[in-house]
C-alpha atoms as a PDB file:
ATOM      1  CA  TRP A   1    -160.076  21.267 -53.386  1.00  0.00           C
ATOM      2  CA  ILE A   2    -158.631  23.839 -50.999  1.00  0.00           C
ATOM      3  CA  ALA A   3    -162.064  24.577 -49.551  1.00  0.00           C
ATOM      4  CA  ILE A   4    -162.814  20.863 -49.157  1.00  0.00           C
ATOM      5  CA  THR A   5    -159.458  20.271 -47.459  1.00  0.00           C
ATOM      6  CA  LEU A   6    -159.905  23.192 -45.070  1.00  0.00           C
ATOM      7  CA  THR A   7    -163.453  22.080 -44.234  1.00  0.00           C
ATOM      8  CA  ALA A   8    -162.241  18.545 -43.496  1.00  0.00           C
ATOM      9  CA  ILE A   9    -159.468  19.883 -41.273  1.00  0.00           C
ATOM     10  CA  VAL A  10    -161.921  22.056 -39.338  1.00  0.00           C
ATOM     11  CA  ILE A  11    -164.432  19.217 -38.958  1.00  0.00           C
ATOM     12  CA  ILE A  12    -161.740  16.927 -37.574  1.00  0.00           C
ATOM     13  CA  SER A  13    -159.730  19.442 -35.547  1.00  0.00           C
ATOM     14  CA  MET A  14    -162.374  21.597 -33.870  1.00  0.00           C
ATOM     15  CA  PRO A  15    -164.236  18.831 -31.984  1.00  0.00           C
ATOM     16  CA  LEU A  16    -160.913  17.453 -30.796  1.00  0.00           C
ATOM     17  CA  ALA A  17    -159.744  20.903 -29.696  1.00  0.00           C
ATOM     18  CA  ILE A  18    -162.995  21.527 -27.814  1.00  0.00           C
ATOM     19  CA  GLY A  19    -162.783  18.132 -26.110  1.00  0.00           C
ATOM     20  CA  ARG A  20    -159.140  18.723 -25.226  1.00  0.00           C
ATOM     21  CA  SER A  21    -160.037  22.088 -23.707  1.00  0.00           C
ATOM     22  CA  PHE A  22    -162.328  20.277 -21.264  1.00  0.00           C
ATOM     23  CA  TYR A  23    -159.414  18.123 -20.117  1.00  0.00           C
ATOM     24  CA  TYR A  24    -157.347  21.274 -19.681  1.00  0.00           C
ATOM     25  CA  LEU A  25    -160.036  23.155 -17.754  1.00  0.00           C
ATOM     26  CA  LEU A  26    -160.703  20.165 -15.509  1.00  0.00           C
ATOM     27  CA  ARG A  27    -156.922  19.884 -14.974  1.00  0.00           C
ATOM     28  CA  ILE A  28    -156.865  16.189 -15.759  1.00  0.00           C
ATOM     29  CA  PRO A  29    -153.299  14.764 -15.916  1.00  0.00           C
ATOM     30  CA  GLU A  30    -151.961  14.247 -19.413  1.00  0.00           C
ATOM     31  CA  LYS A  31    -151.635  10.493 -18.987  1.00  0.00           C
ATOM     32  CA  TYR A  32    -155.425  10.226 -18.624  1.00  0.00           C
ATOM     33  CA  ILE A  33    -156.265  12.210 -21.792  1.00  0.00           C
ATOM     34  CA  HIS A  34    -158.217  10.078 -24.276  1.00  0.00           C
ATOM     35  CA  ASP A  35    -158.508  11.692 -27.700  1.00  0.00           C
ATOM     36  CA  PRO A  36    -161.407   9.571 -29.066  1.00  0.00           C
ATOM     37  CA  LEU A  37    -163.488  10.504 -26.028  1.00  0.00           C
ATOM     38  CA  ALA A  38    -162.403  14.134 -26.395  1.00  0.00           C
ATOM     39  CA  PHE A  39    -163.486  14.095 -30.050  1.00  0.00           C
ATOM     40  CA  CYS A  40    -166.911  12.673 -29.195  1.00  0.00           C
ATOM     41  CA  LEU A  41    -167.412  15.229 -26.424  1.00  0.00           C
ATOM     42  CA  GLY A  42    -166.302  18.112 -28.616  1.00  0.00           C
ATOM     43  CA  GLY A  43    -168.416  16.911 -31.530  1.00  0.00           C
ATOM     44  CA  ALA A  44    -171.513  16.697 -29.357  1.00  0.00           C
ATOM     45  CA  LEU A  45    -171.094  20.432 -28.672  1.00  0.00           C
ATOM     46  CA  PHE A  46    -169.501  21.674 -31.887  1.00  0.00           C
ATOM     47  CA  PHE A  47    -171.842  20.344 -34.564  1.00  0.00           C
ATOM     48  CA  PRO A  48    -175.164  21.398 -32.922  1.00  0.00           C
ATOM     49  CA  ALA A  49    -173.675  24.805 -32.112  1.00  0.00           C
ATOM     50  CA  VAL A  50    -172.552  25.296 -35.727  1.00  0.00           C
ATOM     51  CA  SER A  51    -175.996  24.242 -36.951  1.00  0.00           C
ATOM     52  CA  ILE A  52    -177.757  26.739 -34.674  1.00  0.00           C
ATOM     53  CA  LEU A  53    -175.315  29.512 -35.640  1.00  0.00           C
ATOM     54  CA  ALA A  54    -175.804  28.814 -39.358  1.00  0.00           C
ATOM     55  CA  GLN A  55    -179.597  28.892 -39.015  1.00  0.00           C
ATOM     56  CA  ASN A  56    -179.515  32.211 -37.169  1.00  0.00           C
ATOM     57  CA  THR A  57    -177.049  33.706 -39.655  1.00  0.00           C
ATOM     58  CA  ASN A  58    -179.066  32.667 -42.699  1.00  0.00           C
ATOM     59  CA  SER A  59    -182.410  33.713 -41.225  1.00  0.00           C
ATOM     60  CA  SER A  60    -182.079  37.168 -42.796  1.00  0.00           C
ATOM     61  CA  ASN A  61    -180.909  38.356 -46.210  1.00  0.00           C
ATOM     62  CA  GLU A  62    -179.339  41.515 -44.793  1.00  0.00           C
ATOM     63  CA  SER A  63    -175.609  41.845 -44.370  1.00  0.00           C
ATOM     64  CA  LEU A  64    -174.037  41.519 -40.966  1.00  0.00           C
ATOM     65  CA  LEU A  65    -173.131  45.216 -40.910  1.00  0.00           C
ATOM     66  CA  LYS A  66    -176.717  46.334 -41.606  1.00  0.00           C
ATOM     67  CA  ARG A  67    -178.083  43.963 -38.988  1.00  0.00           C
ATOM     68  CA  THR A  68    -175.592  45.312 -36.450  1.00  0.00           C
ATOM     69  CA  VAL A  69    -176.486  48.935 -37.190  1.00  0.00           C
ATOM     70  CA  ARG A  70    -180.196  48.161 -36.984  1.00  0.00           C
ATOM     71  CA  TRP A  71    -179.664  46.285 -33.706  1.00  0.00           C
ATOM     72  CA  ILE A  72    -177.859  49.269 -32.144  1.00  0.00           C
ATOM     73  CA  SER A  73    -180.476  51.747 -33.365  1.00  0.00           C
ATOM     74  CA  ARG A  74    -183.319  49.750 -31.766  1.00  0.00           C
ATOM     75  CA  PHE A  75    -181.908  50.051 -28.259  1.00  0.00           C
ATOM     76  CA  ARG A  76    -184.248  51.586 -25.708  1.00  0.00           C
ATOM     77  CA  ARG A  77    -183.737  52.161 -22.017  1.00  0.00           C
ATOM     78  CA  PRO A  78    -185.464  49.387 -20.030  1.00  0.00           C
ATOM     79  CA  PRO A  79    -187.800  49.944 -17.061  1.00  0.00           C
ATOM     80  CA  SER A  80    -185.994  49.944 -13.731  1.00  0.00           C
ATOM     81  CA  ARG A  81    -187.679  46.821 -12.339  1.00  0.00           C
ATOM     82  CA  LYS A  82    -186.991  44.840 -15.513  1.00  0.00           C
ATOM     83  CA  LEU A  83    -183.381  46.024 -15.485  1.00  0.00           C
ATOM     84  CA  PHE A  84    -182.836  44.924 -11.869  1.00  0.00           C
ATOM     85  CA  VAL A  85    -184.237  41.457 -12.613  1.00  0.00           C
ATOM     86  CA  ALA A  86    -181.986  41.139 -15.662  1.00  0.00           C
ATOM     87  CA  LEU A  87    -178.903  42.299 -13.745  1.00  0.00           C
ATOM     88  CA  GLU A  88    -179.560  39.917 -10.852  1.00  0.00           C
ATOM     89  CA  SER A  89    -180.051  36.939 -13.151  1.00  0.00           C
ATOM     90  CA  PHE A  90    -176.929  37.902 -15.110  1.00  0.00           C
ATOM     91  CA  PHE A  91    -174.863  38.158 -11.926  1.00  0.00           C
ATOM     92  CA  LEU A  92    -176.124  34.850 -10.541  1.00  0.00           C
ATOM     93  CA  TRP A  93    -175.747  32.799 -13.708  1.00  0.00           C
ATOM     94  CA  PHE A  94    -172.642  34.370 -15.234  1.00  0.00           C
ATOM     95  CA  PHE A  95    -170.638  35.041 -12.059  1.00  0.00           C
ATOM     96  CA  ALA A  96    -171.876  33.623  -8.750  1.00  0.00           C
ATOM     97  CA  ALA A  97    -172.862  30.147  -9.959  1.00  0.00           C
ATOM     98  CA  PRO A  98    -169.710  29.562 -12.094  1.00  0.00           C
ATOM     99  CA  MET A  99    -167.476  30.798  -9.289  1.00  0.00           C
ATOM    100  CA  ALA A 100    -169.142  28.526  -6.720  1.00  0.00           C
ATOM    101  CA  LEU A 101    -168.851  25.514  -9.019  1.00  0.00           C
ATOM    102  CA  GLY A 102    -165.264  26.287 -10.005  1.00  0.00           C
ATOM    103  CA  LEU A 103    -164.071  26.794  -6.432  1.00  0.00           C
ATOM    104  CA  SER A 104    -165.870  23.639  -5.285  1.00  0.00           C
ATOM    105  CA  TYR A 105    -164.140  21.611  -7.980  1.00  0.00           C
ATOM    106  CA  ASP A 106    -160.796  23.259  -7.269  1.00  0.00           C
ATOM    107  CA  LEU A 107    -160.972  22.534  -3.534  1.00  0.00           C
ATOM    108  CA  GLY A 108    -162.495  19.082  -3.824  1.00  0.00           C
ATOM    109  CA  VAL A 109    -160.471  17.686  -6.714  1.00  0.00           C
ATOM    110  CA  VAL A 110    -157.499  19.806  -7.748  1.00  0.00           C
ATOM    111  CA  LYS A 111    -155.853  21.129  -4.582  1.00  0.00           C
ATOM    112  CA  SER A 112    -152.872  19.096  -3.468  1.00  0.00           C
ATOM    113  CA  GLN A 113    -151.782  17.751  -0.119  1.00  0.00           C
ATOM    114  CA  LYS A 114    -149.236  20.554   0.229  1.00  0.00           C
ATOM    115  CA  TRP A 115    -151.940  23.166  -0.231  1.00  0.00           C
ATOM    116  CA  PHE A 116    -154.017  21.670   2.573  1.00  0.00           C
ATOM    117  CA  ALA A 117    -150.863  21.583   4.696  1.00  0.00           C
ATOM    118  CA  ARG A 118    -150.615  25.357   4.097  1.00  0.00           C
ATOM    119  CA  GLU A 119    -147.286  25.006   2.325  1.00  0.00           C
ATOM    120  CA  GLU A 120    -148.550  26.658  -0.855  1.00  0.00           C
ATOM    121  CA  LYS A 121    -150.093  30.013  -1.578  1.00  0.00           C
ATOM    122  CA  PHE A 122    -153.726  30.167  -0.503  1.00  0.00           C
ATOM    123  CA  TYR A 123    -155.129  31.616  -3.754  1.00  0.00           C
ATOM    124  CA  ASP A 124    -153.966  33.798  -6.604  1.00  0.00           C
ATOM    125  CA  TRP A 125    -155.715  35.514  -9.456  1.00  0.00           C
ATOM    126  CA  LYS A 126    -154.749  32.790 -11.902  1.00  0.00           C
ATOM    127  CA  SER A 127    -156.401  30.049  -9.851  1.00  0.00           C
ATOM    128  CA  ILE A 128    -159.533  32.144  -9.346  1.00  0.00           C
ATOM    129  CA  ALA A 129    -159.755  32.964 -13.060  1.00  0.00           C
ATOM    130  CA  PHE A 130    -159.203  29.312 -13.943  1.00  0.00           C
ATOM    131  CA  SER A 131    -161.972  28.241 -11.567  1.00  0.00           C
ATOM    132  CA  PHE A 132    -164.332  30.875 -12.977  1.00  0.00           C
ATOM    133  CA  VAL A 133    -163.732  29.846 -16.603  1.00  0.00           C
ATOM    134  CA  MET A 134    -164.128  26.170 -15.749  1.00  0.00           C
ATOM    135  CA  GLY A 135    -167.372  26.811 -13.901  1.00  0.00           C
ATOM    136  CA  THR A 136    -168.733  28.926 -16.759  1.00  0.00           C
ATOM    137  CA  VAL A 137    -167.920  26.314 -19.401  1.00  0.00           C
ATOM    138  CA  VAL A 138    -169.277  23.385 -17.400  1.00  0.00           C
ATOM    139  CA  LEU A 139    -172.494  25.170 -16.403  1.00  0.00           C
ATOM    140  CA  ASN A 140    -173.266  26.309 -19.935  1.00  0.00           C
ATOM    141  CA  THR A 141    -172.450  22.856 -21.293  1.00  0.00           C
ATOM    142  CA  TRP A 142    -174.858  21.414 -18.738  1.00  0.00           C
ATOM    143  CA  SER A 143    -177.569  23.856 -19.832  1.00  0.00           C
ATOM    144  CA  PHE A 144    -176.853  23.042 -23.487  1.00  0.00           C
ATOM    145  CA  LEU A 145    -177.423  19.340 -22.801  1.00  0.00           C
ATOM    146  CA  LEU A 146    -180.588  20.090 -20.859  1.00  0.00           C
ATOM    147  CA  TYR A 147    -181.973  22.221 -23.681  1.00  0.00           C
ATOM    148  CA  PHE A 148    -181.632  19.310 -26.105  1.00  0.00           C
ATOM    149  CA  ASN A 149    -183.028  16.807 -23.585  1.00  0.00           C
ATOM    150  CA  CYS A 150    -179.739  14.868 -23.537  1.00  0.00           C
ATOM    151  CA  LEU A 151    -179.970  13.844 -19.875  1.00  0.00           C
ATOM    152  CA  SER A 152    -183.285  12.010 -20.136  1.00  0.00           C
ATOM    153  CA  ARG A 153    -183.896   8.293 -20.352  1.00  0.00           C
ATOM    154  CA  GLN A 154    -186.049   8.831 -23.433  1.00  0.00           C
ATOM    155  CA  PHE A 155    -183.195  10.501 -25.324  1.00  0.00           C
ATOM    156  CA  TRP A 156    -180.830   7.586 -24.799  1.00  0.00           C
ATOM    157  CA  ALA A 157    -183.602   5.097 -25.514  1.00  0.00           C
ATOM    158  CA  ASN A 158    -184.124   6.812 -28.858  1.00  0.00           C
ATOM    159  CA  ILE A 159    -180.392   6.724 -29.540  1.00  0.00           C
ATOM    160  CA  GLY A 160    -180.300   3.021 -28.701  1.00  0.00           C
ATOM    161  CA  ASN A 161    -183.263   2.336 -30.972  1.00  0.00           C
ATOM    162  CA  GLY A 162    -181.794   4.364 -33.805  1.00  0.00           C
ATOM    163  CA  ILE A 163    -184.558   6.973 -33.563  1.00  0.00           C
ATOM    164  CA  LEU A 164    -183.219  10.504 -33.529  1.00  0.00           C
ATOM    165  CA  GLU A 165    -186.610  12.267 -33.507  1.00  0.00           C
ATOM    166  CA  ALA A 166    -188.620  12.886 -30.369  1.00  0.00           C
ATOM    167  CA  PRO A 167    -191.385  10.329 -29.719  1.00  0.00           C
ATOM    168  CA  VAL A 168    -194.802  11.319 -30.981  1.00  0.00           C
ATOM    169  CA  ASP A 169    -198.330  10.727 -29.847  1.00  0.00           C
ATOM    170  CA  GLY A 170    -201.156   9.182 -31.814  1.00  0.00           C
ATOM    171  CA  ASN A 171    -201.644  12.347 -33.872  1.00  0.00           C
ATOM    172  CA  GLY A 172    -197.993  12.608 -34.841  1.00  0.00           C
ATOM    173  CA  ASN A 173    -197.303  15.462 -32.421  1.00  0.00           C
ATOM    174  CA  ASN A 174    -194.720  15.560 -29.685  1.00  0.00           C
ATOM    175  CA  ASP A 175    -196.271  18.435 -27.727  1.00  0.00           C
ATOM    176  CA  GLY A 176    -198.947  16.215 -26.258  1.00  0.00           C
ATOM    177  CA  ILE A 177    -196.446  14.051 -24.410  1.00  0.00           C
ATOM    178  CA  PHE A 178    -194.116  16.823 -23.308  1.00  0.00           C
ATOM    179  CA  HIS A 179    -194.735  16.143 -19.642  1.00  0.00           C
ATOM    180  CA  ALA A 180    -194.315  12.404 -20.098  1.00  0.00           C
ATOM    181  CA  ARG A 181    -190.911  12.961 -21.662  1.00  0.00           C
ATOM    182  CA  ASN A 182    -189.738  15.166 -18.851  1.00  0.00           C
ATOM    183  CA  GLN A 183    -191.400  13.881 -15.707  1.00  0.00           C
ATOM    184  CA  ASP A 184    -188.296  11.920 -14.706  1.00  0.00           C
ATOM    185  CA  ILE A 185    -185.726  14.511 -15.661  1.00  0.00           C
ATOM    186  CA  ASP A 186    -185.344  17.059 -12.910  1.00  0.00           C
ATOM    187  CA  ALA A 187    -181.581  17.221 -13.358  1.00  0.00           C
ATOM    188  CA  GLY A 188    -180.165  19.811 -11.005  1.00  0.00           C
ATOM    189  CA  GLY A 189    -181.374  22.234  -8.341  1.00  0.00           C
ATOM    190  CA  ARG A 190    -184.427  20.014  -8.087  1.00  0.00           C
ATOM    191  CA  GLU A 191    -187.056  22.247  -6.569  1.00  0.00           C
ATOM    192  CA  ASN A 192    -190.649  21.411  -7.471  1.00  0.00           C
ATOM    193  CA  VAL A 193    -192.315  24.258  -9.351  1.00  0.00           C
ATOM    194  CA  THR A 194    -195.792  23.652 -10.672  1.00  0.00           C
ATOM    195  CA  VAL A 195    -198.086  25.515 -13.014  1.00  0.00           C
ATOM    196  CA  ASP A 196    -201.722  24.446 -12.960  1.00  0.00           C
ATOM    197  CA  GLY A 197    -200.747  21.351 -11.025  1.00  0.00           C
ATOM    198  CA  GLN A 198    -198.083  20.281 -13.564  1.00  0.00           C
ATOM    199  CA  GLU A 199    -194.422  20.290 -12.647  1.00  0.00           C
ATOM    200  CA  ILE A 200    -192.157  22.394 -14.862  1.00  0.00           C
ATOM    201  CA  PRO A 201    -189.271  20.222 -16.121  1.00  0.00           C
ATOM    202  CA  TRP A 202    -185.697  21.336 -16.436  1.00  0.00           C
ATOM    203  CA  GLN A 203    -185.085  19.793 -19.854  1.00  0.00           C
ATOM    204  CA  GLY A 204    -186.603  20.241 -23.280  1.00  0.00           C
ATOM    205  CA  ASN A 205    -187.432  23.264 -25.415  1.00  0.00           C
ATOM    206  CA  GLN A 206    -190.181  24.257 -22.974  1.00  0.00           C
ATOM    207  CA  GLY A 207    -188.227  23.626 -19.765  1.00  0.00           C
ATOM    208  CA  ARG A 208    -186.725  26.050 -17.299  1.00  0.00           C
ATOM    209  CA  VAL A 209    -183.348  26.203 -19.053  1.00  0.00           C
ATOM    210  CA  ALA A 210    -184.923  26.921 -22.436  1.00  0.00           C
ATOM    211  CA  LYS A 211    -187.164  29.654 -21.021  1.00  0.00           C
ATOM    212  CA  PHE A 212    -184.178  31.316 -19.324  1.00  0.00           C
ATOM    213  CA  PHE A 213    -182.071  31.482 -22.473  1.00  0.00           C
ATOM    214  CA  LYS A 214    -184.990  32.369 -24.751  1.00  0.00           C
ATOM    215  CA  ILE A 215    -185.674  35.419 -22.601  1.00  0.00           C
ATOM    216  CA  TRP A 216    -182.031  36.445 -22.687  1.00  0.00           C
ATOM    217  CA  ARG A 217    -181.957  35.931 -26.448  1.00  0.00           C
ATOM    218  CA  SER A 218    -184.988  38.199 -26.850  1.00  0.00           C
ATOM    219  CA  VAL A 219    -183.391  40.839 -24.642  1.00  0.00           C
ATOM    220  CA  LEU A 220    -179.932  40.811 -26.216  1.00  0.00           C
ATOM    221  CA  CYS A 221    -180.952  40.347 -29.845  1.00  0.00           C
ATOM    222  CA  ASN A 222    -184.177  42.336 -30.044  1.00  0.00           C
ATOM    223  CA  TRP A 223    -184.111  44.530 -26.900  1.00  0.00           C
ATOM    224  CA  GLU A 224    -187.465  43.056 -25.848  1.00  0.00           C
ATOM    225  CA  TRP A 225    -187.405  44.170 -22.236  1.00  0.00           C
ATOM    226  CA  ASP A 226    -191.072  43.256 -21.795  1.00  0.00           C
ATOM    227  CA  SER A 227    -190.173  39.580 -22.146  1.00  0.00           C
ATOM    228  CA  ILE A 228    -188.220  39.674 -18.862  1.00  0.00           C
ATOM    229  CA  ASP A 229    -190.045  37.498 -16.357  1.00  0.00           C
ATOM    230  CA  ARG A 230    -188.897  37.334 -12.746  1.00  0.00           C
ATOM    231  CA  THR A 231    -190.252  33.807 -12.273  1.00  0.00           C
ATOM    232  CA  SER A 232    -188.537  32.306 -15.323  1.00  0.00           C
ATOM    233  CA  LEU A 233    -185.223  34.117 -14.841  1.00  0.00           C
ATOM    234  CA  LEU A 234    -184.802  34.031 -11.073  1.00  0.00           C
ATOM    235  CA  ASP A 235    -187.265  31.859  -9.167  1.00  0.00           C
ATOM    236  CA  ASP A 236    -187.258  28.875 -11.539  1.00  0.00           C
ATOM    237  CA  PHE A 237    -183.635  28.877 -12.665  1.00  0.00           C
ATOM    238  CA  ALA A 238    -180.881  31.267 -11.566  1.00  0.00           C
ATOM    239  CA  ARG A 239    -181.599  31.279  -7.840  1.00  0.00           C
ATOM    240  CA  PRO A 240    -182.108  27.501  -7.378  1.00  0.00           C
ATOM    241  CA  VAL A 241    -178.945  26.652  -9.328  1.00  0.00           C
ATOM    242  CA  THR A 242    -176.826  29.228  -7.524  1.00  0.00           C
ATOM    243  CA  ARG A 243    -178.264  28.232  -4.147  1.00  0.00           C
ATOM    244  CA  GLN A 244    -177.415  24.571  -4.648  1.00  0.00           C
ATOM    245  CA  LEU A 245    -173.860  25.295  -5.830  1.00  0.00           C
ATOM    246  CA  ALA A 246    -173.198  27.816  -3.067  1.00  0.00           C
ATOM    247  CA  SER A 247    -174.633  25.405  -0.511  1.00  0.00           C
ATOM    248  CA  ALA A 248    -172.224  22.691  -1.643  1.00  0.00           C
ATOM    249  CA  LEU A 249    -169.254  25.036  -1.275  1.00  0.00           C
ATOM    250  CA  VAL A 250    -170.194  26.818   1.965  1.00  0.00           C
ATOM    251  CA  GLY A 251    -171.710  23.764   3.645  1.00  0.00           C
ATOM    252  CA  SER A 252    -168.666  21.626   2.899  1.00  0.00           C
ATOM    253  CA  PHE A 253    -166.324  24.299   4.207  1.00  0.00           C
ATOM    254  CA  LEU A 254    -168.276  24.793   7.435  1.00  0.00           C
ATOM    255  CA  SER A 255    -168.576  21.065   8.115  1.00  0.00           C
ATOM    256  CA  PHE A 256    -164.855  20.685   7.398  1.00  0.00           C
ATOM    257  CA  GLN A 257    -163.993  23.403   9.900  1.00  0.00           C
ATOM    258  CA  MET A 258    -166.231  21.794  12.517  1.00  0.00           C
ATOM    259  CA  VAL A 259    -164.672  18.359  12.033  1.00  0.00           C
ATOM    260  CA  MET A 260    -161.157  19.775  12.211  1.00  0.00           C
ATOM    261  CA  TYR A 261    -162.011  21.629  15.423  1.00  0.00           C
ATOM    262  CA  LEU A 262    -163.310  18.418  16.997  1.00  0.00           C
ATOM    263  CA  VAL A 263    -160.283  16.432  15.814  1.00  0.00           C
ATOM    264  CA  ILE A 264    -157.816  18.960  17.214  1.00  0.00           C
ATOM    265  CA  SER A 265    -159.759  19.039  20.485  1.00  0.00           C
ATOM    266  CA  ILE A 266    -159.796  15.251  20.859  1.00  0.00           C
ATOM    267  CA  LEU A 267    -156.510  14.187  19.249  1.00  0.00           C
ATOM    268  CA  LYS A 268    -153.138  15.656  20.014  1.00  0.00           C
ATOM    269  CA  VAL A 269    -151.559  17.073  16.879  1.00  0.00           C
ATOM    270  CA  GLN A 270    -147.908  16.167  16.630  1.00  0.00           C
ATOM    271  CA  GLN A 271    -145.097  17.620  14.581  1.00  0.00           C
ATOM    272  CA  GLY A 272    -145.312  14.986  11.840  1.00  0.00           C
ATOM    273  CA  GLY A 273    -149.089  14.829  11.613  1.00  0.00           C
ATOM    274  CA  ILE A 274    -152.134  13.551  13.456  1.00  0.00           C
ATOM    275  CA  PRO A 275    -152.110  10.209  15.323  1.00  0.00           C
ATOM    276  CA  LEU A 276    -155.042   7.972  14.383  1.00  0.00           C
ATOM    277  CA  PRO A 277    -155.974   4.558  15.816  1.00  0.00           C
ATOM    278  CA  PHE A 278    -154.792   1.640  13.657  1.00  0.00           C
ATOM    279  CA  LEU A 279    -153.250   4.053  11.129  1.00  0.00           C
ATOM    280  CA  GLY A 280    -150.496   5.676  13.122  1.00  0.00           C
ATOM    281  CA  ILE A 281    -149.273   9.135  12.219  1.00  0.00           C
ATOM    282  CA  VAL A 282    -151.088  10.624   9.229  1.00  0.00           C
ATOM    283  CA  GLU A 283    -149.596  13.661   7.550  1.00  0.00           C
ATOM    284  CA  TYR A 284    -151.451  16.854   8.347  1.00  0.00           C
ATOM    285  CA  GLY A 285    -152.020  17.838   4.711  1.00  0.00           C
ATOM    286  CA  MET A 286    -153.261  14.395   3.721  1.00  0.00           C
ATOM    287  CA  PHE A 287    -155.619  14.281   6.679  1.00  0.00           C
ATOM    288  CA  ARG A 288    -157.105  17.704   5.933  1.00  0.00           C
ATOM    289  CA  LYS A 289    -157.459  16.877   2.249  1.00  0.00           C
ATOM    290  CA  THR A 290    -159.245  13.595   2.950  1.00  0.00           C
ATOM    291  CA  ILE A 291    -161.573  15.146   5.528  1.00  0.00           C
ATOM    292  CA  PHE A 292    -162.542  17.986   3.189  1.00  0.00           C
ATOM    293  CA  ARG A 293    -163.311  15.612   0.319  1.00  0.00           C
ATOM    294  CA  MET A 294    -165.386  13.423   2.628  1.00  0.00           C
ATOM    295  CA  CYS A 295    -167.328  16.461   3.874  1.00  0.00           C
ATOM    296  CA  MET A 296    -167.992  17.635   0.334  1.00  0.00           C
ATOM    297  CA  ALA A 297    -169.059  14.183  -0.864  1.00  0.00           C
ATOM    298  CA  LEU A 298    -171.388  13.779   2.110  1.00  0.00           C
ATOM    299  CA  HIS A 299    -172.881  17.229   1.607  1.00  0.00           C
ATOM    300  CA  VAL A 300    -173.509  16.591  -2.106  1.00  0.00           C
ATOM    301  CA  LEU A 301    -175.129  13.241  -1.290  1.00  0.00           C
ATOM    302  CA  VAL A 302    -177.435  14.967   1.181  1.00  0.00           C
ATOM    303  CA  GLN A 303    -178.349  17.533  -1.491  1.00  0.00           C
ATOM    304  CA  LEU A 304    -179.084  14.793  -4.014  1.00  0.00           C
ATOM    305  CA  ALA A 305    -181.150  12.839  -1.509  1.00  0.00           C
ATOM    306  CA  SER A 306    -183.120  15.968  -0.670  1.00  0.00           C
ATOM    307  CA  GLY A 307    -183.656  16.851  -4.315  1.00  0.00           C
ATOM    308  CA  PHE A 308    -184.731  13.363  -5.361  1.00  0.00           C
ATOM    309  CA  ARG A 309    -186.741  12.738  -2.203  1.00  0.00           C
ATOM    310  CA  ALA A 310    -189.971  12.101  -4.121  1.00  0.00           C
ATOM    311  CA  ASN A 311    -188.329   9.456  -6.310  1.00  0.00           C
ATOM    312  CA  ILE A 312    -186.692   7.825  -3.296  1.00  0.00           C
ATOM    313  CA  ASP A 313    -190.049   7.714  -1.473  1.00  0.00           C
ATOM    314  CA  ARG A 314    -191.660   6.051  -4.466  1.00  0.00           C
ATOM    315  CA  TRP A 315    -188.796   3.564  -4.685  1.00  0.00           C
ATOM    316  CA  PHE A 316    -189.101   2.662  -1.007  1.00  0.00           C
ATOM    317  CA  GLU A 317    -192.867   2.236  -1.343  1.00  0.00           C
ATOM    318  CA  ALA A 318    -192.398  -0.053  -4.326  1.00  0.00           C
ATOM    319  CA  ALA A 319    -189.682  -2.050  -2.547  1.00  0.00           C
ATOM    320  CA  HIS A 320    -191.852  -2.345   0.565  1.00  0.00           C
ATOM    321  CA  GLY A 321    -194.806  -3.492  -1.498  1.00  0.00           C
ATOM    322  CA  ALA A 322    -192.689  -6.071  -3.326  1.00  0.00           C
ATOM    323  CA  ALA A 323    -191.236  -7.407  -0.067  1.00  0.00           C
ATOM    324  CA  ARG A 324    -194.697  -7.617   1.497  1.00  0.00           C
ATOM    325  CA  ASP A 325    -196.080  -9.472  -1.509  1.00  0.00           C
ATOM    326  CA  ASP A 326    -193.169 -11.910  -1.487  1.00  0.00           C
ATOM    327  CA  ARG A 327    -193.721 -12.579   2.199  1.00  0.00           C
ATOM    328  CA  TYR A 328    -197.482 -13.060   2.304  1.00  0.00           C
ATOM    329  CA  LEU A 329    -198.657 -13.910  -1.205  1.00  0.00           C
ATOM    330  CA  ILE A 330    -196.222 -16.467  -2.586  1.00  0.00           C
ATOM    331  CA  GLY A 331    -197.986 -19.755  -3.105  1.00  0.00           C
ATOM    332  CA  GLU A 332    -201.382 -18.337  -2.091  1.00  0.00           C
ATOM    333  CA  LEU A 333    -204.456 -18.438  -4.292  1.00  0.00           C
ATOM    334  CA  LEU A 334    -206.213 -15.088  -4.105  1.00  0.00           C
ATOM    335  CA  MET A 335    -209.997 -15.090  -4.427  1.00  0.00           C
ATOM    336  CA  ASN A 336    -212.628 -12.386  -4.237  1.00  0.00           C
ATOM    337  CA  TYR A 337    -214.300 -12.236  -0.839  1.00  0.00           C
ATOM    338  CA  SER A 338    -217.932 -13.320  -0.725  1.00  0.00           C
ATOM    339  CA  PRO A 339    -219.989 -13.488   2.502  1.00  0.00           C
ATOM    340  CA  ASP A 340    -221.938 -16.484   1.109  1.00  0.00           C
ATOM    341  CA  GLN A 341    -218.769 -18.535   1.083  1.00  0.00           C
ATOM    342  CA  VAL A 342    -218.203 -18.051   4.791  1.00  0.00           C
ATOM    343  CA  LYS A 343    -219.828 -20.861   6.853  1.00  0.00           C
END
């Protein structure tokens, strides 16, 4: 009964603790913490992770000590070019991208009015470390969801229908419709990459995220340096993600500085704040905070519009076609043209 009790406590407590940690990392005020939602979020990460860990642990009959010794003894020095690709992908995914995301969130959501008024310390090591950890957790959670296809319409349709397995084709296989499941799923850093005319999706066990982590698993677990592929590690995944996150941070900062320069040049800054038409005197910190958040929101919207440009074009074409049909074809009887009918 002790084992059953401890197992029940772990099953109940761990998902809640993981969900609560997200609230803490995102620095959400305590009055907004919702434990049922935290439990669902933590459970969605905890139970699949435990299942994967148990499968990997039980895949061999050897003890953990023997497996560790054998793993160390199999190490071989990698080729220089493979090593540089691995180091660059490691730096981009495990440092640059999390830092860009964490700082963007910190500046756009967390920083207070006093900070923008330059009444608080600019940055300290604690804030930087907090931003880095938050970015790392959020990015890897995002990749975890992409690996299991959780951000696709098909996944939620299956959940709604009570079907937990992937849809299958007429032969009972799901490989044949892989592209159909993922053609609408380019969820992040959306840069079209095609192989033999077919776009590589981000989600699924054959997507960009899965290929990235499968390569790293082969390298770290089996020292398979030959599996390192520059396209899968850098061109298809690490560089696009890092570029989009860094663009959001740097672009927002530059546009913010430009707007503030124009505002100071046009409007006369007073001791209490900045005078605005119809609003009166607005505090300097509040004004800077609002302008920065507007710049970041606008920049992210531009990135999304650019990434989903193909979908937006198709939507506009469909809307234009529907409007044209409603205008010209309502109430009309359409017939095939025949020259004999013309008199």
